[in-house]
Amino acid sequence: MTDTHQTDPLAESFDYEGSIHRIEEIAALLEDHDTKLEDALKLYEEGVSIARSCMQRLRDAELRIAELRLEDTDSSD
């Protein structure tokens, strides 16, 4: 059986835990009432972008787990 899963080098270099930490930092900065509006908008945009990347990485991981389960089922026949 050939492996149809292709490795995305960008996804491999993605630091999920570091991204979550950055989102936490952004949230703390946004909670600070001294943050200027323009800075807050930039931080919010960054946070949304990081969150989207995290969600995509989670979806990719779930898909890969499902593929591995299918491969395991196929090999036990």
PDB file of N, CA and C in Angstrom:
ATOM      1  N   MET A   1       0.855  -1.186   0.000  1.00  0.00           N
ATOM      2  CA  MET A   1       0.000   0.000   0.000  1.00  0.00           C
ATOM      3  C   MET A   1       0.895   1.241   0.000  1.00  0.00           C
ATOM      4  N   THR A   2       0.624   2.157  -0.888  1.00  0.00           N
ATOM      5  CA  THR A   2       1.420   3.373  -0.965  1.00  0.00           C
ATOM      6  C   THR A   2       0.841   4.423  -0.047  1.00  0.00           C
ATOM      7  N   ASP A   3       1.717   5.243   0.461  1.00  0.00           N
ATOM      8  CA  ASP A   3       1.306   6.321   1.364  1.00  0.00           C
ATOM      9  C   ASP A   3       0.868   7.513   0.536  1.00  0.00           C
ATOM     10  N   THR A   4      -0.431   7.857   0.609  1.00  0.00           N
ATOM     11  CA  THR A   4      -0.954   8.989  -0.151  1.00  0.00           C
ATOM     12  C   THR A   4      -0.835  10.289   0.628  1.00  0.00           C
ATOM     13  N   HIS A   5      -0.417  10.199   1.900  1.00  0.00           N
ATOM     14  CA  HIS A   5      -0.276  11.403   2.725  1.00  0.00           C
ATOM     15  C   HIS A   5       1.010  12.109   2.344  1.00  0.00           C
ATOM     16  N   GLN A   6       0.895  13.362   1.918  1.00  0.00           N
ATOM     17  CA  GLN A   6       2.062  14.136   1.548  1.00  0.00           C
ATOM     18  C   GLN A   6       2.410  15.083   2.684  1.00  0.00           C
ATOM     19  N   THR A   7       3.683  15.181   2.983  1.00  0.00           N
ATOM     20  CA  THR A   7       4.148  16.034   4.056  1.00  0.00           C
ATOM     21  C   THR A   7       4.288  17.464   3.560  1.00  0.00           C
ATOM     22  N   ASP A   8       3.682  18.364   4.288  1.00  0.00           N
ATOM     23  CA  ASP A   8       3.787  19.793   3.997  1.00  0.00           C
ATOM     24  C   ASP A   8       4.892  20.366   4.864  1.00  0.00           C
ATOM     25  N   PRO A   9       6.013  20.824   4.261  1.00  0.00           N
ATOM     26  CA  PRO A   9       7.111  21.330   5.076  1.00  0.00           C
ATOM     27  C   PRO A   9       6.721  22.504   5.961  1.00  0.00           C
ATOM     28  N   LEU A  10       5.796  23.333   5.517  1.00  0.00           N
ATOM     29  CA  LEU A  10       5.351  24.452   6.353  1.00  0.00           C
ATOM     30  C   LEU A  10       4.587  23.948   7.570  1.00  0.00           C
ATOM     31  N   ALA A  11       3.749  22.924   7.363  1.00  0.00           N
ATOM     32  CA  ALA A  11       2.992  22.365   8.481  1.00  0.00           C
ATOM     33  C   ALA A  11       3.929  21.693   9.474  1.00  0.00           C
ATOM     34  N   GLU A  12       4.987  21.059   8.980  1.00  0.00           N
ATOM     35  CA  GLU A  12       5.939  20.390   9.857  1.00  0.00           C
ATOM     36  C   GLU A  12       6.686  21.390  10.730  1.00  0.00           C
ATOM     37  N   SER A  13       6.936  22.591  10.215  1.00  0.00           N
ATOM     38  CA  SER A  13       7.679  23.582  10.982  1.00  0.00           C
ATOM     39  C   SER A  13       6.766  24.427  11.875  1.00  0.00           C
ATOM     40  N   PHE A  14       5.475  24.225  11.786  1.00  0.00           N
ATOM     41  CA  PHE A  14       4.510  24.998  12.567  1.00  0.00           C
ATOM     42  C   PHE A  14       4.644  24.639  14.045  1.00  0.00           C
ATOM     43  N   ASP A  15       4.787  25.621  14.895  1.00  0.00           N
ATOM     44  CA  ASP A  15       4.940  25.420  16.334  1.00  0.00           C
ATOM     45  C   ASP A  15       3.592  25.681  17.002  1.00  0.00           C
ATOM     46  N   TYR A  16       2.821  24.617  17.179  1.00  0.00           N
ATOM     47  CA  TYR A  16       1.475  24.738  17.732  1.00  0.00           C
ATOM     48  C   TYR A  16       1.529  25.331  19.145  1.00  0.00           C
ATOM     49  N   GLU A  17       2.368  24.763  19.989  1.00  0.00           N
ATOM     50  CA  GLU A  17       2.432  25.219  21.375  1.00  0.00           C
ATOM     51  C   GLU A  17       2.912  26.671  21.462  1.00  0.00           C
ATOM     52  N   GLY A  18       3.884  27.019  20.631  1.00  0.00           N
ATOM     53  CA  GLY A  18       4.349  28.408  20.594  1.00  0.00           C
ATOM     54  C   GLY A  18       3.260  29.352  20.123  1.00  0.00           C
ATOM     55  N   SER A  19       2.455  28.883  19.186  1.00  0.00           N
ATOM     56  CA  SER A  19       1.351  29.694  18.676  1.00  0.00           C
ATOM     57  C   SER A  19       0.300  29.931  19.751  1.00  0.00           C
ATOM     58  N   ILE A  20      -0.010  28.888  20.510  1.00  0.00           N
ATOM     59  CA  ILE A  20      -0.975  29.034  21.607  1.00  0.00           C
ATOM     60  C   ILE A  20      -0.435  30.026  22.636  1.00  0.00           C
ATOM     61  N   HIS A  21       0.846  29.932  22.921  1.00  0.00           N
ATOM     62  CA  HIS A  21       1.468  30.873  23.867  1.00  0.00           C
ATOM     63  C   HIS A  21       1.345  32.307  23.346  1.00  0.00           C
ATOM     64  N   ARG A  22       1.560  32.501  22.047  1.00  0.00           N
ATOM     65  CA  ARG A  22       1.449  33.851  21.468  1.00  0.00           C
ATOM     66  C   ARG A  22       0.015  34.361  21.562  1.00  0.00           C
ATOM     67  N   ILE A  23      -0.960  33.492  21.334  1.00  0.00           N
ATOM     68  CA  ILE A  23      -2.365  33.898  21.472  1.00  0.00           C
ATOM     69  C   ILE A  23      -2.642  34.350  22.903  1.00  0.00           C
ATOM     70  N   GLU A  24      -2.081  33.643  23.875  1.00  0.00           N
ATOM     71  CA  GLU A  24      -2.250  34.037  25.277  1.00  0.00           C
ATOM     72  C   GLU A  24      -1.623  35.401  25.542  1.00  0.00           C
ATOM     73  N   GLU A  25      -0.451  35.644  24.956  1.00  0.00           N
ATOM     74  CA  GLU A  25       0.190  36.953  25.096  1.00  0.00           C
ATOM     75  C   GLU A  25      -0.677  38.047  24.492  1.00  0.00           C
ATOM     76  N   ILE A  26      -1.207  37.777  23.319  1.00  0.00           N
ATOM     77  CA  ILE A  26      -2.065  38.759  22.640  1.00  0.00           C
ATOM     78  C   ILE A  26      -3.305  39.053  23.473  1.00  0.00           C
ATOM     79  N   ALA A  27      -3.904  38.007  24.026  1.00  0.00           N
ATOM     80  CA  ALA A  27      -5.093  38.200  24.857  1.00  0.00           C
ATOM     81  C   ALA A  27      -4.772  39.094  26.050  1.00  0.00           C
ATOM     82  N   ALA A  28      -3.625  38.873  26.669  1.00  0.00           N
ATOM     83  CA  ALA A  28      -3.232  39.696  27.813  1.00  0.00           C
ATOM     84  C   ALA A  28      -3.027  41.151  27.389  1.00  0.00           C
ATOM     85  N   LEU A  29      -2.412  41.353  26.237  1.00  0.00           N
ATOM     86  CA  LEU A  29      -2.204  42.721  25.744  1.00  0.00           C
ATOM     87  C   LEU A  29      -3.535  43.401  25.423  1.00  0.00           C
ATOM     88  N   LEU A  30      -4.469  42.631  24.865  1.00  0.00           N
ATOM     89  CA  LEU A  30      -5.771  43.213  24.528  1.00  0.00           C
ATOM     90  C   LEU A  30      -6.584  43.539  25.776  1.00  0.00           C
ATOM     91  N   GLU A  31      -6.346  42.804  26.846  1.00  0.00           N
ATOM     92  CA  GLU A  31      -7.046  43.085  28.098  1.00  0.00           C
ATOM     93  C   GLU A  31      -6.490  44.316  28.796  1.00  0.00           C
ATOM     94  N   ASP A  32      -5.278  44.705  28.410  1.00  0.00           N
ATOM     95  CA  ASP A  32      -4.648  45.898  28.973  1.00  0.00           C
ATOM     96  C   ASP A  32      -5.334  47.127  28.372  1.00  0.00           C
ATOM     97  N   HIS A  33      -5.939  47.914  29.179  1.00  0.00           N
ATOM     98  CA  HIS A  33      -6.705  49.058  28.688  1.00  0.00           C
ATOM     99  C   HIS A  33      -5.826  50.207  28.204  1.00  0.00           C
ATOM    100  N   ASP A  34      -4.504  50.056  28.326  1.00  0.00           N
ATOM    101  CA  ASP A  34      -3.594  51.085  27.836  1.00  0.00           C
ATOM    102  C   ASP A  34      -3.201  50.868  26.379  1.00  0.00           C
ATOM    103  N   THR A  35      -3.641  49.765  25.782  1.00  0.00           N
ATOM    104  CA  THR A  35      -3.303  49.476  24.387  1.00  0.00           C
ATOM    105  C   THR A  35      -4.088  50.407  23.472  1.00  0.00           C
ATOM    106  N   LYS A  36      -3.379  51.069  22.585  1.00  0.00           N
ATOM    107  CA  LYS A  36      -4.029  51.976  21.637  1.00  0.00           C
ATOM    108  C   LYS A  36      -4.878  51.180  20.655  1.00  0.00           C
ATOM    109  N   LEU A  37      -5.916  51.818  20.145  1.00  0.00           N
ATOM    110  CA  LEU A  37      -6.861  51.158  19.259  1.00  0.00           C
ATOM    111  C   LEU A  37      -6.174  50.528  18.050  1.00  0.00           C
ATOM    112  N   GLU A  38      -5.313  51.268  17.384  1.00  0.00           N
ATOM    113  CA  GLU A  38      -4.642  50.742  16.190  1.00  0.00           C
ATOM    114  C   GLU A  38      -3.781  49.529  16.532  1.00  0.00           C
ATOM    115  N   ASP A  39      -3.085  49.594  17.668  1.00  0.00           N
ATOM    116  CA  ASP A  39      -2.277  48.462  18.116  1.00  0.00           C
ATOM    117  C   ASP A  39      -3.171  47.267  18.460  1.00  0.00           C
ATOM    118  N   ALA A  40      -4.300  47.550  19.094  1.00  0.00           N
ATOM    119  CA  ALA A  40      -5.230  46.477  19.452  1.00  0.00           C
ATOM    120  C   ALA A  40      -5.774  45.791  18.205  1.00  0.00           C
ATOM    121  N   LEU A  41      -6.080  46.562  17.169  1.00  0.00           N
ATOM    122  CA  LEU A  41      -6.560  45.962  15.926  1.00  0.00           C
ATOM    123  C   LEU A  41      -5.513  45.059  15.291  1.00  0.00           C
ATOM    124  N   LYS A  42      -4.266  45.517  15.288  1.00  0.00           N
ATOM    125  CA  LYS A  42      -3.179  44.699  14.731  1.00  0.00           C
ATOM    126  C   LYS A  42      -2.994  43.415  15.536  1.00  0.00           C
ATOM    127  N   LEU A  43      -3.043  43.539  16.850  1.00  0.00           N
ATOM    128  CA  LEU A  43      -2.916  42.354  17.695  1.00  0.00           C
ATOM    129  C   LEU A  43      -4.068  41.382  17.457  1.00  0.00           C
ATOM    130  N   TYR A  44      -5.275  41.923  17.349  1.00  0.00           N
ATOM    131  CA  TYR A  44      -6.441  41.078  17.110  1.00  0.00           C
ATOM    132  C   TYR A  44      -6.301  40.332  15.781  1.00  0.00           C
ATOM    133  N   GLU A  45      -5.878  41.045  14.742  1.00  0.00           N
ATOM    134  CA  GLU A  45      -5.679  40.408  13.434  1.00  0.00           C
ATOM    135  C   GLU A  45      -4.625  39.308  13.518  1.00  0.00           C
ATOM    136  N   GLU A  46      -3.548  39.578  14.239  1.00  0.00           N
ATOM    137  CA  GLU A  46      -2.510  38.560  14.410  1.00  0.00           C
ATOM    138  C   GLU A  46      -3.078  37.341  15.133  1.00  0.00           C
ATOM    139  N   GLY A  47      -3.834  37.592  16.179  1.00  0.00           N
ATOM    140  CA  GLY A  47      -4.435  36.493  16.944  1.00  0.00           C
ATOM    141  C   GLY A  47      -5.367  35.643  16.107  1.00  0.00           C
ATOM    142  N   VAL A  48      -6.188  36.291  15.297  1.00  0.00           N
ATOM    143  CA  VAL A  48      -7.113  35.559  14.430  1.00  0.00           C
ATOM    144  C   VAL A  48      -6.336  34.705  13.423  1.00  0.00           C
ATOM    145  N   SER A  49      -5.299  35.278  12.861  1.00  0.00           N
ATOM    146  CA  SER A  49      -4.475  34.548  11.896  1.00  0.00           C
ATOM    147  C   SER A  49      -3.827  33.323  12.544  1.00  0.00           C
ATOM    148  N   ILE A  50      -3.272  33.512  13.725  1.00  0.00           N
ATOM    149  CA  ILE A  50      -2.650  32.393  14.432  1.00  0.00           C
ATOM    150  C   ILE A  50      -3.694  31.338  14.788  1.00  0.00           C
ATOM    151  N   ALA A  51      -4.846  31.773  15.264  1.00  0.00           N
ATOM    152  CA  ALA A  51      -5.910  30.834  15.629  1.00  0.00           C
ATOM    153  C   ALA A  51      -6.352  30.007  14.420  1.00  0.00           C
ATOM    154  N   ARG A  52      -6.462  30.643  13.268  1.00  0.00           N
ATOM    155  CA  ARG A  52      -6.839  29.914  12.052  1.00  0.00           C
ATOM    156  C   ARG A  52      -5.785  28.869  11.703  1.00  0.00           C
ATOM    157  N   SER A  53      -4.514  29.245  11.836  1.00  0.00           N
ATOM    158  CA  SER A  53      -3.434  28.295  11.560  1.00  0.00           C
ATOM    159  C   SER A  53      -3.484  27.119  12.535  1.00  0.00           C
ATOM    160  N   CYS A  54      -3.766  27.405  13.794  1.00  0.00           N
ATOM    161  CA  CYS A  54      -3.879  26.335  14.792  1.00  0.00           C
ATOM    162  C   CYS A  54      -5.039  25.400  14.458  1.00  0.00           C
ATOM    163  N   MET A  55      -6.166  25.966  14.075  1.00  0.00           N
ATOM    164  CA  MET A  55      -7.326  25.139  13.727  1.00  0.00           C
ATOM    165  C   MET A  55      -7.028  24.256  12.510  1.00  0.00           C
ATOM    166  N   GLN A  56      -6.339  24.814  11.531  1.00  0.00           N
ATOM    167  CA  GLN A  56      -5.981  24.026  10.355  1.00  0.00           C
ATOM    168  C   GLN A  56      -5.031  22.896  10.742  1.00  0.00           C
ATOM    169  N   ARG A  57      -4.077  23.192  11.606  1.00  0.00           N
ATOM    170  CA  ARG A  57      -3.138  22.154  12.048  1.00  0.00           C
ATOM    171  C   ARG A  57      -3.872  21.053  12.789  1.00  0.00           C
ATOM    172  N   LEU A  58      -4.846  21.408  13.614  1.00  0.00           N
ATOM    173  CA  LEU A  58      -5.642  20.402  14.317  1.00  0.00           C
ATOM    174  C   LEU A  58      -6.450  19.551  13.341  1.00  0.00           C
ATOM    175  N   ARG A  59      -7.044  20.197  12.328  1.00  0.00           N
ATOM    176  CA  ARG A  59      -7.800  19.431  11.320  1.00  0.00           C
ATOM    177  C   ARG A  59      -6.881  18.469  10.576  1.00  0.00           C
ATOM    178  N   ASP A  60      -5.675  18.940  10.241  1.00  0.00           N
ATOM    179  CA  ASP A  60      -4.708  18.081   9.559  1.00  0.00           C
ATOM    180  C   ASP A  60      -4.321  16.891  10.428  1.00  0.00           C
ATOM    181  N   ALA A  61      -4.121  17.139  11.716  1.00  0.00           N
ATOM    182  CA  ALA A  61      -3.763  16.062  12.642  1.00  0.00           C
ATOM    183  C   ALA A  61      -4.899  15.052  12.758  1.00  0.00           C
ATOM    184  N   GLU A  62      -6.135  15.534  12.846  1.00  0.00           N
ATOM    185  CA  GLU A  62      -7.288  14.633  12.920  1.00  0.00           C
ATOM    186  C   GLU A  62      -7.402  13.783  11.661  1.00  0.00           C
ATOM    187  N   LEU A  63      -7.169  14.385  10.510  1.00  0.00           N
ATOM    188  CA  LEU A  63      -7.216  13.652   9.250  1.00  0.00           C
ATOM    189  C   LEU A  63      -6.133  12.583   9.214  1.00  0.00           C
ATOM    190  N   ARG A  64      -4.944  12.938   9.648  1.00  0.00           N
ATOM    191  CA  ARG A  64      -3.836  11.982   9.653  1.00  0.00           C
ATOM    192  C   ARG A  64      -4.129  10.823  10.597  1.00  0.00           C
ATOM    193  N   ILE A  65      -4.699  11.096  11.751  1.00  0.00           N
ATOM    194  CA  ILE A  65      -5.066  10.033  12.698  1.00  0.00           C
ATOM    195  C   ILE A  65      -6.099   9.110  12.069  1.00  0.00           C
ATOM    196  N   ALA A  66      -7.082   9.689  11.393  1.00  0.00           N
ATOM    197  CA  ALA A  66      -8.102   8.873  10.721  1.00  0.00           C
ATOM    198  C   ALA A  66      -7.457   7.996   9.644  1.00  0.00           C
ATOM    199  N   GLU A  67      -6.504   8.549   8.885  1.00  0.00           N
ATOM    200  CA  GLU A  67      -5.804   7.775   7.866  1.00  0.00           C
ATOM    201  C   GLU A  67      -5.027   6.622   8.493  1.00  0.00           C
ATOM    202  N   LEU A  68      -4.365   6.892   9.614  1.00  0.00           N
ATOM    203  CA  LEU A  68      -3.590   5.850  10.286  1.00  0.00           C
ATOM    204  C   LEU A  68      -4.499   4.742  10.805  1.00  0.00           C
ATOM    205  N   ARG A  69      -5.658   5.101  11.301  1.00  0.00           N
ATOM    206  CA  ARG A  69      -6.615   4.098  11.772  1.00  0.00           C
ATOM    207  C   ARG A  69      -7.077   3.228  10.605  1.00  0.00           C
ATOM    208  N   LEU A  70      -7.333   3.849   9.464  1.00  0.00           N
ATOM    209  CA  LEU A  70      -7.735   3.072   8.302  1.00  0.00           C
ATOM    210  C   LEU A  70      -6.628   2.144   7.837  1.00  0.00           C
ATOM    211  N   GLU A  71      -5.391   2.642   7.837  1.00  0.00           N
ATOM    212  CA  GLU A  71      -4.254   1.818   7.457  1.00  0.00           C
ATOM    213  C   GLU A  71      -4.114   0.650   8.416  1.00  0.00           C
ATOM    214  N   ASP A  72      -4.323   0.897   9.699  1.00  0.00           N
ATOM    215  CA  ASP A  72      -4.208  -0.159  10.707  1.00  0.00           C
ATOM    216  C   ASP A  72      -5.302  -1.204  10.494  1.00  0.00           C
ATOM    217  N   THR A  73      -6.503  -0.753  10.164  1.00  0.00           N
ATOM    218  CA  THR A  73      -7.615  -1.658   9.907  1.00  0.00           C
ATOM    219  C   THR A  73      -7.345  -2.487   8.660  1.00  0.00           C
ATOM    220  N   ASP A  74      -6.829  -1.835   7.607  1.00  0.00           N
ATOM    221  CA  ASP A  74      -6.522  -2.525   6.358  1.00  0.00           C
ATOM    222  C   ASP A  74      -5.435  -3.575   6.545  1.00  0.00           C
ATOM    223  N   SER A  75      -4.446  -3.301   7.365  1.00  0.00           N
ATOM    224  CA  SER A  75      -3.318  -4.217   7.539  1.00  0.00           C
ATOM    225  C   SER A  75      -3.682  -5.402   8.434  1.00  0.00           C
ATOM    226  N   SER A  76      -4.750  -5.298   9.203  1.00  0.00           N
ATOM    227  CA  SER A  76      -5.129  -6.408  10.091  1.00  0.00           C
ATOM    228  C   SER A  76      -6.022  -7.422   9.393  1.00  0.00           C
ATOM    229  N   ASP A  77      -6.411  -7.159   8.138  1.00  0.00           N
ATOM    230  CA  ASP A  77      -7.260  -8.107   7.392  1.00  0.00           C
ATOM    231  C   ASP A  77      -6.488  -9.285   6.913  1.00  0.00           C
TER     232      ASP A  77
END
